[in-house]
């Protein structure tokens, strides 16, 4: 009965209907404009860990990430030392030393951006003047916008923020509306 309920709603074809976390993420989070800096930071870090993997893999470990990274408290993360980074390699997250180190670096740069712009929200949404861009018919993994933001973040010193990762991030936080026209979450 529960699976029949899930299938009664039209969703983007990439959603694994057998994974309740994925269904909930698609229906209640992905593509919805996000303006909370803590949430924007969490999604950026998770997208960085996705590099080379599937989003479903990251999503399935999300609660483990929250525990391991102090509920994505960027102040705490920015103070992680080598010993803490080594300790994180034994937690049930994606255990990649470079991505863990990048999380520490990226937290520091994220806070610098907050200081410069008043919030990360003002920075990231400033690229579109606060507007959502509808790209639901485009099948691609980068865009001129993700290229521009990626280049700027790299110039500031962030790691694991290539254009493909930033493109996925922009979709996740709702700057890019990428729901397919046959999806009930689609807006035009």
N, C-alpha and C. Protein backbone atom coordinates (compact mmCIF):
# COMPACT_ATOMS: atom_id res chain seq x y z
N UNK A 1 0.82 -1.20 0.00
CA UNK A 1 0.00 0.00 0.00
C UNK A 1 0.86 1.26 0.00
N UNK A 2 1.92 1.24 0.82
CA UNK A 2 2.79 2.41 0.92
C UNK A 2 3.48 2.70 -0.41
N UNK A 3 3.96 1.65 -1.10
CA UNK A 3 4.59 1.84 -2.41
C UNK A 3 3.59 2.33 -3.44
N UNK A 4 2.33 1.87 -3.35
CA UNK A 4 1.31 2.34 -4.27
C UNK A 4 1.07 3.83 -4.06
N UNK A 5 1.07 4.26 -2.81
CA UNK A 5 0.92 5.68 -2.50
C UNK A 5 2.04 6.48 -3.13
N UNK A 6 3.28 6.00 -2.96
CA UNK A 6 4.44 6.70 -3.50
C UNK A 6 4.33 6.83 -5.02
N UNK A 7 3.87 5.79 -5.67
CA UNK A 7 3.81 5.79 -7.12
C UNK A 7 2.64 6.60 -7.65
N UNK A 8 1.68 6.92 -6.82
CA UNK A 8 0.53 7.72 -7.25
C UNK A 8 0.93 9.16 -7.52
N UNK A 9 2.02 9.59 -6.92
CA UNK A 9 2.53 10.93 -7.15
C UNK A 9 3.56 10.86 -8.28
N UNK A 10 3.47 11.77 -9.22
CA UNK A 10 4.45 11.82 -10.30
C UNK A 10 5.71 12.52 -9.80
N UNK A 11 6.84 11.85 -9.94
CA UNK A 11 8.12 12.38 -9.51
C UNK A 11 9.12 12.33 -10.66
N UNK A 12 10.22 13.04 -10.49
CA UNK A 12 11.31 12.97 -11.45
C UNK A 12 11.76 11.50 -11.55
N UNK A 13 12.14 11.07 -12.72
CA UNK A 13 12.44 9.66 -12.94
C UNK A 13 13.65 9.15 -12.16
N UNK A 14 14.53 10.04 -11.69
CA UNK A 14 15.73 9.62 -10.98
C UNK A 14 15.47 9.19 -9.54
N UNK A 15 14.27 9.45 -9.03
CA UNK A 15 13.96 9.12 -7.63
C UNK A 15 13.80 7.62 -7.47
N UNK A 16 14.54 7.05 -6.53
CA UNK A 16 14.40 5.64 -6.19
C UNK A 16 13.21 5.51 -5.25
N UNK A 17 12.09 5.04 -5.76
CA UNK A 17 10.86 4.96 -4.97
C UNK A 17 10.95 3.95 -3.83
N UNK A 18 11.94 3.08 -3.86
CA UNK A 18 12.12 2.10 -2.79
C UNK A 18 12.92 2.66 -1.61
N UNK A 19 13.42 3.88 -1.74
CA UNK A 19 14.20 4.50 -0.67
C UNK A 19 13.40 5.68 -0.10
N UNK A 20 12.78 5.50 1.07
CA UNK A 20 11.97 6.57 1.66
C UNK A 20 12.74 7.88 1.89
N UNK A 21 14.04 7.77 2.19
CA UNK A 21 14.85 8.98 2.37
C UNK A 21 14.93 9.78 1.07
N UNK A 22 15.09 9.05 -0.01
CA UNK A 22 15.21 9.69 -1.33
C UNK A 22 13.89 10.33 -1.75
N UNK A 23 12.80 9.61 -1.54
CA UNK A 23 11.47 10.13 -1.88
C UNK A 23 11.19 11.40 -1.08
N UNK A 24 11.46 11.35 0.22
CA UNK A 24 11.23 12.51 1.07
C UNK A 24 12.11 13.68 0.65
N UNK A 25 13.38 13.40 0.33
CA UNK A 25 14.29 14.44 -0.12
C UNK A 25 13.77 15.11 -1.39
N UNK A 26 13.35 14.32 -2.35
CA UNK A 26 12.82 14.87 -3.59
C UNK A 26 11.57 15.71 -3.34
N UNK A 27 10.65 15.17 -2.55
CA UNK A 27 9.35 15.82 -2.37
C UNK A 27 9.41 17.07 -1.49
N UNK A 28 10.31 17.10 -0.52
CA UNK A 28 10.27 18.15 0.50
C UNK A 28 11.51 19.02 0.61
N UNK A 29 12.51 18.76 -0.21
CA UNK A 29 13.75 19.51 -0.05
C UNK A 29 14.38 19.92 -1.37
N UNK A 30 14.59 18.97 -2.26
CA UNK A 30 15.32 19.24 -3.50
C UNK A 30 14.57 20.26 -4.36
N UNK A 31 15.28 21.30 -4.72
CA UNK A 31 14.70 22.29 -5.62
C UNK A 31 13.87 23.36 -4.93
N UNK A 32 13.70 23.27 -3.62
CA UNK A 32 12.96 24.29 -2.89
C UNK A 32 13.95 25.38 -2.49
N UNK A 33 13.69 26.63 -2.84
CA UNK A 33 14.65 27.70 -2.52
C UNK A 33 15.02 27.73 -1.03
N UNK A 34 16.31 27.64 -0.79
CA UNK A 34 16.85 27.61 0.59
C UNK A 34 17.62 28.91 0.84
N UNK A 35 17.40 29.50 2.01
CA UNK A 35 18.06 30.76 2.36
C UNK A 35 18.75 30.72 3.72
N UNK A 36 18.65 29.62 4.41
CA UNK A 36 19.28 29.49 5.73
C UNK A 36 20.75 29.10 5.56
N UNK A 37 21.65 29.92 6.09
CA UNK A 37 23.08 29.67 5.89
C UNK A 37 23.54 28.32 6.42
N UNK A 38 23.01 27.89 7.55
CA UNK A 38 23.41 26.59 8.10
C UNK A 38 23.02 25.47 7.14
N UNK A 39 21.84 25.57 6.60
CA UNK A 39 21.37 24.56 5.64
C UNK A 39 22.16 24.66 4.33
N UNK A 40 22.45 25.87 3.90
CA UNK A 40 23.25 26.05 2.68
C UNK A 40 24.64 25.44 2.86
N UNK A 41 25.20 25.59 4.06
CA UNK A 41 26.51 25.00 4.35
C UNK A 41 26.42 23.47 4.34
N UNK A 42 25.42 22.93 5.01
CA UNK A 42 25.25 21.47 5.04
C UNK A 42 25.17 20.90 3.62
N UNK A 43 24.34 21.52 2.80
CA UNK A 43 24.17 21.00 1.44
C UNK A 43 25.45 21.12 0.62
N UNK A 44 26.20 22.20 0.83
CA UNK A 44 27.47 22.35 0.11
C UNK A 44 28.44 21.25 0.51
N UNK A 45 28.54 20.99 1.79
CA UNK A 45 29.45 19.94 2.26
C UNK A 45 29.02 18.57 1.73
N UNK A 46 27.74 18.27 1.81
CA UNK A 46 27.26 16.99 1.30
C UNK A 46 27.51 16.85 -0.20
N UNK A 47 27.29 17.93 -0.94
CA UNK A 47 27.55 17.87 -2.38
C UNK A 47 29.04 17.64 -2.64
N UNK A 48 29.91 18.24 -1.84
CA UNK A 48 31.35 18.01 -2.00
C UNK A 48 31.70 16.54 -1.78
N UNK A 49 31.05 15.92 -0.81
CA UNK A 49 31.30 14.50 -0.56
C UNK A 49 30.74 13.63 -1.67
N UNK A 50 29.78 14.13 -2.42
CA UNK A 50 29.19 13.36 -3.49
C UNK A 50 30.16 13.14 -4.65
N UNK A 51 31.15 13.99 -4.80
CA UNK A 51 32.07 13.92 -5.94
C UNK A 51 32.50 12.47 -6.20
N UNK A 52 32.17 11.98 -7.38
CA UNK A 52 32.54 10.62 -7.77
C UNK A 52 31.59 9.54 -7.28
N UNK A 53 30.57 9.94 -6.56
CA UNK A 53 29.59 8.99 -6.00
C UNK A 53 28.18 9.39 -6.41
N UNK A 54 27.20 8.65 -5.93
CA UNK A 54 25.80 9.01 -6.20
C UNK A 54 25.26 9.83 -5.04
N UNK A 55 24.26 10.65 -5.32
CA UNK A 55 23.63 11.43 -4.26
C UNK A 55 22.94 10.49 -3.27
N UNK A 56 22.39 9.41 -3.76
CA UNK A 56 21.71 8.47 -2.87
C UNK A 56 22.67 7.91 -1.82
N UNK A 57 23.89 7.63 -2.22
CA UNK A 57 24.91 7.14 -1.27
C UNK A 57 25.14 8.17 -0.16
N UNK A 58 25.26 9.43 -0.53
CA UNK A 58 25.47 10.50 0.45
C UNK A 58 24.24 10.67 1.33
N UNK A 59 23.08 10.69 0.70
CA UNK A 59 21.83 10.88 1.43
C UNK A 59 21.61 9.78 2.47
N UNK A 60 21.96 8.55 2.12
CA UNK A 60 21.80 7.44 3.06
C UNK A 60 22.70 7.59 4.29
N UNK A 61 23.77 8.36 4.17
CA UNK A 61 24.70 8.57 5.28
C UNK A 61 24.54 9.95 5.92
N UNK A 62 23.53 10.67 5.54
CA UNK A 62 23.36 12.06 5.98
C UNK A 62 23.34 12.19 7.51
N UNK A 63 22.62 11.34 8.19
CA UNK A 63 22.56 11.43 9.65
C UNK A 63 23.92 11.15 10.26
N UNK A 64 24.67 10.23 9.67
CA UNK A 64 26.03 9.96 10.14
C UNK A 64 26.92 11.19 9.94
N UNK A 65 26.74 11.87 8.82
CA UNK A 65 27.49 13.11 8.57
C UNK A 65 27.14 14.16 9.63
N UNK A 66 25.86 14.28 9.93
CA UNK A 66 25.45 15.27 10.92
C UNK A 66 26.11 15.01 12.27
N UNK A 67 26.14 13.76 12.67
CA UNK A 67 26.78 13.41 13.95
C UNK A 67 28.28 13.65 13.88
N UNK A 68 28.91 13.19 12.83
CA UNK A 68 30.37 13.29 12.70
C UNK A 68 30.84 14.74 12.62
N UNK A 69 30.06 15.59 11.95
CA UNK A 69 30.45 16.98 11.73
C UNK A 69 29.67 17.97 12.61
N UNK A 70 29.41 17.55 13.86
CA UNK A 70 28.81 18.46 14.84
C UNK A 70 27.59 19.19 14.28
N UNK A 71 26.71 18.44 13.64
CA UNK A 71 25.48 18.99 13.07
C UNK A 71 25.77 20.15 12.10
N UNK A 72 26.88 20.02 11.39
CA UNK A 72 27.32 21.01 10.40
C UNK A 72 27.50 22.40 11.00
N UNK A 73 28.02 22.43 12.21
CA UNK A 73 28.36 23.69 12.88
C UNK A 73 29.69 24.17 12.30
N UNK A 74 29.62 25.14 11.40
CA UNK A 74 30.83 25.58 10.69
C UNK A 74 31.87 26.18 11.61
N UNK A 75 31.45 26.79 12.72
CA UNK A 75 32.40 27.34 13.69
C UNK A 75 33.26 26.21 14.27
N UNK A 76 32.60 25.13 14.68
CA UNK A 76 33.33 23.98 15.24
C UNK A 76 34.21 23.32 14.18
N UNK A 77 33.64 23.10 13.01
CA UNK A 77 34.37 22.42 11.93
C UNK A 77 35.62 23.21 11.55
N UNK A 78 35.52 24.52 11.55
CA UNK A 78 36.65 25.36 11.15
C UNK A 78 37.85 25.19 12.09
N UNK A 79 37.59 24.64 13.28
CA UNK A 79 38.66 24.46 14.27
C UNK A 79 39.18 23.02 14.33
N UNK A 80 38.66 22.16 13.47
CA UNK A 80 39.14 20.77 13.46
C UNK A 80 40.63 20.75 13.15
N UNK A 81 41.35 19.93 13.91
CA UNK A 81 42.78 19.75 13.67
C UNK A 81 43.02 18.40 12.98
N UNK A 82 44.28 18.09 12.74
CA UNK A 82 44.61 16.83 12.06
C UNK A 82 44.12 15.61 12.82
N UNK A 83 44.18 15.66 14.15
CA UNK A 83 43.72 14.53 14.96
C UNK A 83 42.22 14.29 14.78
N UNK A 84 41.46 15.36 14.75
CA UNK A 84 40.01 15.24 14.55
C UNK A 84 39.72 14.70 13.15
N UNK A 85 40.46 15.18 12.16
CA UNK A 85 40.27 14.68 10.80
C UNK A 85 40.59 13.19 10.70
N UNK A 86 41.63 12.75 11.39
CA UNK A 86 41.97 11.33 11.41
C UNK A 86 40.86 10.52 12.09
N UNK A 87 40.33 11.05 13.17
CA UNK A 87 39.24 10.38 13.90
C UNK A 87 38.02 10.21 13.00
N UNK A 88 37.74 11.21 12.15
CA UNK A 88 36.59 11.14 11.24
C UNK A 88 36.72 10.01 10.22
N UNK A 89 37.96 9.60 9.95
CA UNK A 89 38.18 8.50 9.01
C UNK A 89 37.68 7.16 9.55
N UNK A 90 37.35 7.10 10.84
CA UNK A 90 36.83 5.85 11.40
C UNK A 90 35.33 5.93 11.70
N UNK A 91 34.67 6.98 11.22
CA UNK A 91 33.23 7.12 11.42
C UNK A 91 32.49 6.58 10.20
N UNK A 92 31.19 6.28 10.35
CA UNK A 92 30.43 5.72 9.21
C UNK A 92 29.95 6.78 8.22
N UNK A 93 30.90 7.58 7.72
CA UNK A 93 30.62 8.54 6.66
C UNK A 93 31.40 8.08 5.44
N UNK A 94 31.47 8.91 4.41
CA UNK A 94 32.34 8.61 3.28
C UNK A 94 33.74 8.99 3.73
N UNK A 95 34.58 8.00 3.92
CA UNK A 95 35.89 8.20 4.54
C UNK A 95 36.94 8.54 3.51
N UNK A 96 36.95 9.79 3.15
CA UNK A 96 37.90 10.27 2.17
C UNK A 96 38.67 11.43 2.82
N UNK A 97 39.94 11.20 3.05
CA UNK A 97 40.79 12.16 3.77
C UNK A 97 40.76 13.54 3.10
N UNK A 98 40.85 13.57 1.77
CA UNK A 98 40.87 14.86 1.07
C UNK A 98 39.55 15.61 1.22
N UNK A 99 38.44 14.89 1.20
CA UNK A 99 37.13 15.54 1.35
C UNK A 99 36.92 16.02 2.79
N UNK A 100 37.43 15.27 3.75
CA UNK A 100 37.33 15.69 5.15
C UNK A 100 38.14 16.97 5.37
N UNK A 101 39.36 16.99 4.85
CA UNK A 101 40.20 18.19 4.97
C UNK A 101 39.55 19.37 4.23
N UNK A 102 38.97 19.09 3.08
CA UNK A 102 38.30 20.14 2.31
C UNK A 102 37.12 20.72 3.09
N UNK A 103 36.44 19.89 3.87
CA UNK A 103 35.33 20.38 4.68
C UNK A 103 35.81 21.42 5.68
N UNK A 104 36.95 21.18 6.29
CA UNK A 104 37.52 22.14 7.24
C UNK A 104 37.87 23.44 6.51
N UNK A 105 38.58 23.32 5.40
CA UNK A 105 38.95 24.49 4.61
C UNK A 105 37.71 25.25 4.14
N UNK A 106 36.74 24.51 3.60
CA UNK A 106 35.54 25.14 3.07
C UNK A 106 34.72 25.84 4.15
N UNK A 107 34.73 25.31 5.37
CA UNK A 107 33.99 25.97 6.46
C UNK A 107 34.60 27.34 6.75
N UNK A 108 35.91 27.42 6.73
CA UNK A 108 36.59 28.70 6.98
C UNK A 108 36.28 29.71 5.89
N UNK A 109 36.30 29.26 4.65
CA UNK A 109 36.03 30.15 3.52
C UNK A 109 34.55 30.55 3.51
N UNK A 110 33.67 29.62 3.84
CA UNK A 110 32.24 29.91 3.93
C UNK A 110 32.01 31.06 4.90
N UNK A 111 32.68 31.02 6.05
CA UNK A 111 32.53 32.08 7.06
C UNK A 111 33.12 33.40 6.58
N UNK A 112 34.19 33.35 5.81
CA UNK A 112 34.75 34.58 5.23
C UNK A 112 33.76 35.21 4.25
N UNK A 113 33.10 34.35 3.46
CA UNK A 113 32.09 34.84 2.52
C UNK A 113 30.93 35.46 3.29
N UNK A 114 30.51 34.83 4.38
CA UNK A 114 29.45 35.39 5.21
C UNK A 114 29.82 36.79 5.69
N UNK A 115 31.05 36.91 6.14
CA UNK A 115 31.52 38.21 6.66
C UNK A 115 31.53 39.25 5.54
N UNK A 116 32.00 38.87 4.37
CA UNK A 116 32.10 39.80 3.24
C UNK A 116 30.73 40.24 2.72
N UNK A 117 29.77 39.30 2.65
CA UNK A 117 28.48 39.59 2.03
C UNK A 117 27.34 39.76 3.04
N UNK A 118 27.61 39.53 4.31
CA UNK A 118 26.56 39.60 5.32
C UNK A 118 25.92 38.25 5.57
N UNK A 119 25.95 37.38 4.58
CA UNK A 119 25.46 36.00 4.69
C UNK A 119 25.91 35.25 3.44
N UNK A 120 25.98 33.93 3.56
CA UNK A 120 26.28 33.14 2.37
C UNK A 120 25.09 33.19 1.42
N UNK A 121 23.90 33.27 1.99
CA UNK A 121 22.68 33.39 1.21
C UNK A 121 22.77 34.59 0.25
N UNK A 122 23.19 35.75 0.76
CA UNK A 122 23.33 36.94 -0.09
C UNK A 122 24.34 36.70 -1.20
N UNK A 123 25.42 35.99 -0.87
CA UNK A 123 26.45 35.69 -1.86
C UNK A 123 25.90 34.78 -2.96
N UNK A 124 25.38 33.61 -2.58
CA UNK A 124 25.01 32.60 -3.57
C UNK A 124 23.80 33.02 -4.40
N UNK A 125 22.80 33.64 -3.75
CA UNK A 125 21.62 34.08 -4.49
C UNK A 125 21.90 35.36 -5.27
N UNK A 126 22.97 36.05 -4.94
CA UNK A 126 23.34 37.25 -5.67
C UNK A 126 23.71 36.97 -7.12
N UNK A 127 24.14 35.75 -7.41
CA UNK A 127 24.49 35.40 -8.78
C UNK A 127 23.28 35.42 -9.71
N UNK A 128 22.08 35.29 -9.16
CA UNK A 128 20.85 35.32 -9.98
C UNK A 128 19.92 36.46 -9.55
N UNK A 129 20.46 37.40 -8.78
CA UNK A 129 19.64 38.49 -8.25
C UNK A 129 18.42 37.97 -7.49
N UNK A 130 18.62 36.86 -6.79
CA UNK A 130 17.55 36.29 -5.97
C UNK A 130 16.49 35.53 -6.73
N UNK A 131 16.71 35.31 -8.00
CA UNK A 131 15.70 34.65 -8.84
C UNK A 131 16.01 33.17 -9.04
N UNK A 132 14.96 32.37 -9.12
CA UNK A 132 15.06 30.95 -9.46
C UNK A 132 15.13 30.85 -10.98
N UNK A 133 16.00 29.99 -11.46
CA UNK A 133 16.13 29.76 -12.90
C UNK A 133 15.50 28.40 -13.22
N UNK A 134 14.55 28.38 -14.13
CA UNK A 134 13.92 27.13 -14.55
C UNK A 134 14.76 26.47 -15.63
N UNK A 135 15.23 25.27 -15.33
CA UNK A 135 16.05 24.52 -16.29
C UNK A 135 15.57 23.08 -16.42
N UNK A 136 14.31 22.86 -16.23
CA UNK A 136 13.80 21.50 -16.17
C UNK A 136 13.97 20.71 -17.47
N UNK A 137 14.05 21.38 -18.57
CA UNK A 137 14.16 20.65 -19.84
C UNK A 137 15.61 20.41 -20.25
N UNK A 138 16.53 20.98 -19.53
CA UNK A 138 17.94 20.81 -19.86
C UNK A 138 18.49 19.54 -19.20
N UNK A 139 19.10 18.69 -19.99
CA UNK A 139 19.76 17.51 -19.46
C UNK A 139 21.26 17.78 -19.58
N UNK A 140 21.84 18.25 -18.48
CA UNK A 140 23.27 18.54 -18.48
C UNK A 140 23.78 18.47 -17.06
N UNK A 141 25.07 18.61 -16.90
CA UNK A 141 25.65 18.53 -15.56
C UNK A 141 26.39 19.80 -15.15
N UNK A 142 26.46 20.77 -16.05
CA UNK A 142 27.05 22.07 -15.74
C UNK A 142 26.28 23.14 -16.51
N UNK A 143 26.54 24.38 -16.17
CA UNK A 143 25.93 25.50 -16.88
C UNK A 143 26.87 26.69 -16.78
N UNK A 144 26.65 27.73 -17.56
CA UNK A 144 27.47 28.93 -17.39
C UNK A 144 27.41 29.48 -15.95
N UNK A 145 26.27 29.35 -15.30
CA UNK A 145 26.13 29.82 -13.92
C UNK A 145 26.99 28.97 -12.97
N UNK A 146 26.92 27.65 -13.10
CA UNK A 146 27.74 26.80 -12.22
C UNK A 146 29.23 26.99 -12.51
N UNK A 147 29.56 27.25 -13.79
CA UNK A 147 30.96 27.54 -14.13
C UNK A 147 31.44 28.79 -13.41
N UNK A 148 30.61 29.83 -13.42
CA UNK A 148 30.97 31.11 -12.81
C UNK A 148 31.14 30.99 -11.30
N UNK A 149 30.18 30.32 -10.65
CA UNK A 149 30.24 30.17 -9.19
C UNK A 149 31.41 29.28 -8.79
N UNK A 150 31.60 28.19 -9.51
CA UNK A 150 32.72 27.29 -9.25
C UNK A 150 34.04 28.03 -9.33
N UNK A 151 34.20 28.81 -10.38
CA UNK A 151 35.43 29.57 -10.57
C UNK A 151 35.65 30.53 -9.40
N UNK A 152 34.60 31.20 -8.96
CA UNK A 152 34.73 32.15 -7.86
C UNK A 152 35.07 31.44 -6.55
N UNK A 153 34.39 30.33 -6.26
CA UNK A 153 34.67 29.59 -5.03
C UNK A 153 36.09 29.03 -5.02
N UNK A 154 36.54 28.54 -6.16
CA UNK A 154 37.92 28.03 -6.25
C UNK A 154 38.92 29.16 -6.03
N UNK A 155 38.64 30.33 -6.62
CA UNK A 155 39.51 31.49 -6.45
C UNK A 155 39.61 31.86 -4.96
N UNK A 156 38.54 31.66 -4.23
CA UNK A 156 38.52 31.97 -2.80
C UNK A 156 39.21 30.87 -1.98
N UNK A 157 39.49 29.72 -2.62
CA UNK A 157 40.24 28.65 -1.96
C UNK A 157 39.44 27.41 -1.60
N UNK A 158 38.16 27.34 -1.98
CA UNK A 158 37.36 26.15 -1.68
C UNK A 158 37.83 24.98 -2.53
N UNK A 159 37.60 23.78 -1.99
CA UNK A 159 37.98 22.53 -2.64
C UNK A 159 36.72 21.71 -2.94
N UNK A 160 36.81 20.83 -3.93
CA UNK A 160 35.70 19.97 -4.35
C UNK A 160 34.47 20.80 -4.71
N UNK A 161 34.70 21.87 -5.44
CA UNK A 161 33.61 22.74 -5.88
C UNK A 161 33.67 22.96 -7.39
N UNK A 162 33.93 21.88 -8.12
CA UNK A 162 33.93 21.96 -9.57
C UNK A 162 32.54 22.29 -10.08
N UNK A 163 32.45 22.61 -11.34
CA UNK A 163 31.19 23.05 -11.93
C UNK A 163 30.08 22.01 -11.81
N UNK A 164 30.40 20.74 -11.94
CA UNK A 164 29.38 19.69 -11.82
C UNK A 164 28.82 19.63 -10.40
N UNK A 165 29.69 19.72 -9.41
CA UNK A 165 29.23 19.72 -8.02
C UNK A 165 28.39 20.96 -7.75
N UNK A 166 28.83 22.10 -8.22
CA UNK A 166 28.08 23.34 -7.98
C UNK A 166 26.75 23.30 -8.72
N UNK A 167 26.71 22.72 -9.89
CA UNK A 167 25.44 22.60 -10.62
C UNK A 167 24.43 21.78 -9.80
N UNK A 168 24.88 20.65 -9.26
CA UNK A 168 24.02 19.83 -8.41
C UNK A 168 23.60 20.59 -7.15
N UNK A 169 24.53 21.36 -6.59
CA UNK A 169 24.24 22.17 -5.40
C UNK A 169 23.16 23.22 -5.71
N UNK A 170 23.28 23.89 -6.84
CA UNK A 170 22.30 24.90 -7.21
C UNK A 170 20.91 24.29 -7.40
N UNK A 171 20.87 23.07 -7.91
CA UNK A 171 19.58 22.37 -8.01
C UNK A 171 19.05 22.03 -6.62
N UNK A 172 19.92 21.53 -5.76
CA UNK A 172 19.51 21.11 -4.42
C UNK A 172 18.93 22.27 -3.61
N UNK A 173 19.55 23.45 -3.72
CA UNK A 173 19.12 24.59 -2.90
C UNK A 173 18.08 25.46 -3.60
N UNK A 174 17.63 25.04 -4.77
CA UNK A 174 16.50 25.69 -5.42
C UNK A 174 16.83 26.89 -6.29
N UNK A 175 18.10 27.20 -6.48
CA UNK A 175 18.43 28.29 -7.41
C UNK A 175 18.10 27.84 -8.83
N UNK A 176 18.36 26.57 -9.12
CA UNK A 176 17.96 25.98 -10.39
C UNK A 176 16.76 25.07 -10.13
N UNK A 177 15.66 25.33 -10.79
CA UNK A 177 14.49 24.46 -10.72
C UNK A 177 14.64 23.45 -11.83
N UNK A 178 14.95 22.22 -11.46
CA UNK A 178 15.24 21.20 -12.47
C UNK A 178 14.27 20.02 -12.42
N UNK A 179 13.13 20.18 -11.75
CA UNK A 179 12.12 19.13 -11.80
C UNK A 179 11.63 18.98 -13.24
N UNK A 180 11.37 17.76 -13.64
CA UNK A 180 10.92 17.50 -15.00
C UNK A 180 9.45 17.88 -15.14
N UNK A 181 9.02 18.24 -16.36
CA UNK A 181 7.63 18.68 -16.56
C UNK A 181 6.58 17.66 -16.12
N UNK A 182 6.90 16.37 -16.12
CA UNK A 182 5.94 15.36 -15.71
C UNK A 182 5.92 15.14 -14.19
N UNK A 183 6.75 15.87 -13.45
CA UNK A 183 6.84 15.74 -11.99
C UNK A 183 5.85 16.70 -11.33
N UNK A 184 5.18 16.23 -10.29
CA UNK A 184 4.22 17.07 -9.57
C UNK A 184 4.88 18.26 -8.88
N UNK A 185 6.19 18.22 -8.70
CA UNK A 185 6.92 19.34 -8.06
C UNK A 185 7.35 20.39 -9.09
N UNK A 186 7.11 20.11 -10.35
CA UNK A 186 7.50 21.04 -11.42
C UNK A 186 6.72 22.34 -11.32
N UNK A 187 7.42 23.43 -11.46
CA UNK A 187 6.75 24.74 -11.58
C UNK A 187 7.34 25.44 -12.78
N UNK A 188 6.55 26.24 -13.44
CA UNK A 188 7.01 26.92 -14.64
C UNK A 188 7.05 28.40 -14.42
